[in-house]
N, C-alpha and C. Protein backbone atom coordinates (compact mmCIF):
# COMPACT_ATOMS: atom_id res chain seq x y z
N MET A 1 146.42 296.79 -191.16
CA MET A 1 146.75 295.64 -190.25
C MET A 1 147.99 294.88 -190.72
N ARG A 2 148.80 295.61 -191.54
CA ARG A 2 149.93 294.89 -192.08
C ARG A 2 150.94 294.71 -190.87
N LEU A 3 151.08 295.64 -190.00
CA LEU A 3 152.06 295.63 -189.01
C LEU A 3 151.54 294.39 -188.00
N PHE A 4 150.29 294.19 -187.83
CA PHE A 4 149.87 293.09 -187.16
C PHE A 4 150.20 291.68 -187.64
N SER A 5 150.17 291.56 -189.01
CA SER A 5 150.55 290.35 -189.59
C SER A 5 152.04 290.10 -189.53
N VAL A 6 152.88 291.26 -189.58
CA VAL A 6 154.29 291.01 -189.48
C VAL A 6 154.60 290.66 -187.90
N LEU A 7 153.91 291.11 -186.91
CA LEU A 7 154.17 290.83 -185.62
C LEU A 7 153.72 289.38 -185.36
N THR A 8 152.69 288.88 -185.92
CA THR A 8 152.19 287.55 -185.81
C THR A 8 153.22 286.53 -186.42
N SER A 9 153.68 286.87 -187.62
CA SER A 9 154.79 285.97 -188.28
C SER A 9 156.04 285.96 -187.56
N MET A 10 156.40 287.10 -186.86
CA MET A 10 157.59 287.04 -186.06
C MET A 10 157.58 286.38 -184.81
N THR A 11 156.27 286.29 -184.15
CA THR A 11 156.07 285.55 -182.88
C THR A 11 155.57 284.20 -182.98
N GLU A 12 155.38 283.66 -184.11
CA GLU A 12 154.84 282.35 -184.30
C GLU A 12 155.87 281.28 -183.74
N SER A 13 157.25 281.66 -183.70
CA SER A 13 158.16 280.62 -183.13
C SER A 13 158.24 280.78 -181.62
N SER A 14 157.63 281.90 -181.06
CA SER A 14 157.87 282.14 -179.70
C SER A 14 156.33 282.12 -178.97
N PRO A 15 156.07 281.11 -178.25
CA PRO A 15 154.70 280.83 -177.53
C PRO A 15 154.42 282.09 -176.61
N ILE A 16 155.44 282.48 -175.88
CA ILE A 16 155.25 283.52 -174.94
C ILE A 16 154.92 284.88 -175.61
N SER A 17 155.57 285.15 -176.66
CA SER A 17 155.26 286.37 -177.40
C SER A 17 154.02 286.34 -178.18
N PHE A 18 153.61 285.10 -178.55
CA PHE A 18 152.43 284.79 -179.15
C PHE A 18 151.24 285.05 -178.11
N THR A 19 151.40 284.67 -176.88
CA THR A 19 150.35 284.82 -175.85
C THR A 19 150.19 286.26 -175.58
N PHE A 20 151.34 287.01 -175.54
CA PHE A 20 151.30 288.38 -175.16
C PHE A 20 150.64 289.22 -176.23
N LEU A 21 150.82 288.87 -177.59
CA LEU A 21 150.19 289.38 -178.66
C LEU A 21 148.74 289.19 -178.70
N ASN A 22 148.36 288.14 -178.24
CA ASN A 22 146.94 287.76 -178.22
C ASN A 22 146.30 288.49 -176.92
N LEU A 23 146.90 288.73 -175.77
CA LEU A 23 146.39 289.56 -174.92
C LEU A 23 146.31 291.04 -175.24
N LEU A 24 147.36 291.51 -175.99
CA LEU A 24 147.40 292.86 -176.48
C LEU A 24 146.33 293.11 -177.49
N SER A 25 146.01 292.19 -178.51
CA SER A 25 144.97 292.28 -179.35
C SER A 25 143.59 292.26 -178.67
N LEU A 26 143.43 291.56 -177.63
CA LEU A 26 142.17 291.38 -176.84
C LEU A 26 141.99 292.70 -176.31
N ARG A 27 143.01 293.34 -175.67
CA ARG A 27 142.84 294.60 -175.00
C ARG A 27 142.43 295.85 -175.94
N ILE A 28 143.04 295.82 -177.25
CA ILE A 28 142.76 296.61 -178.21
C ILE A 28 141.40 296.60 -178.58
N SER A 29 140.80 295.33 -178.79
CA SER A 29 139.51 295.12 -179.29
C SER A 29 138.46 295.66 -178.29
N LEU A 30 138.85 295.54 -176.82
CA LEU A 30 138.08 295.96 -175.81
C LEU A 30 138.05 297.50 -175.87
N ILE A 31 139.04 298.15 -176.13
CA ILE A 31 139.11 299.51 -176.09
C ILE A 31 138.18 300.02 -177.28
N LYS A 32 138.23 299.52 -178.51
CA LYS A 32 137.55 300.03 -179.54
C LYS A 32 136.00 299.85 -179.29
């Protein structure tokens, strides 16, 4: 999950990217 933390830290300054990352992680959790 290191890549996920890097993405999170990169998108902290961008609300749009942060929202997209949340949706993406939600989709991943639904697939698993």
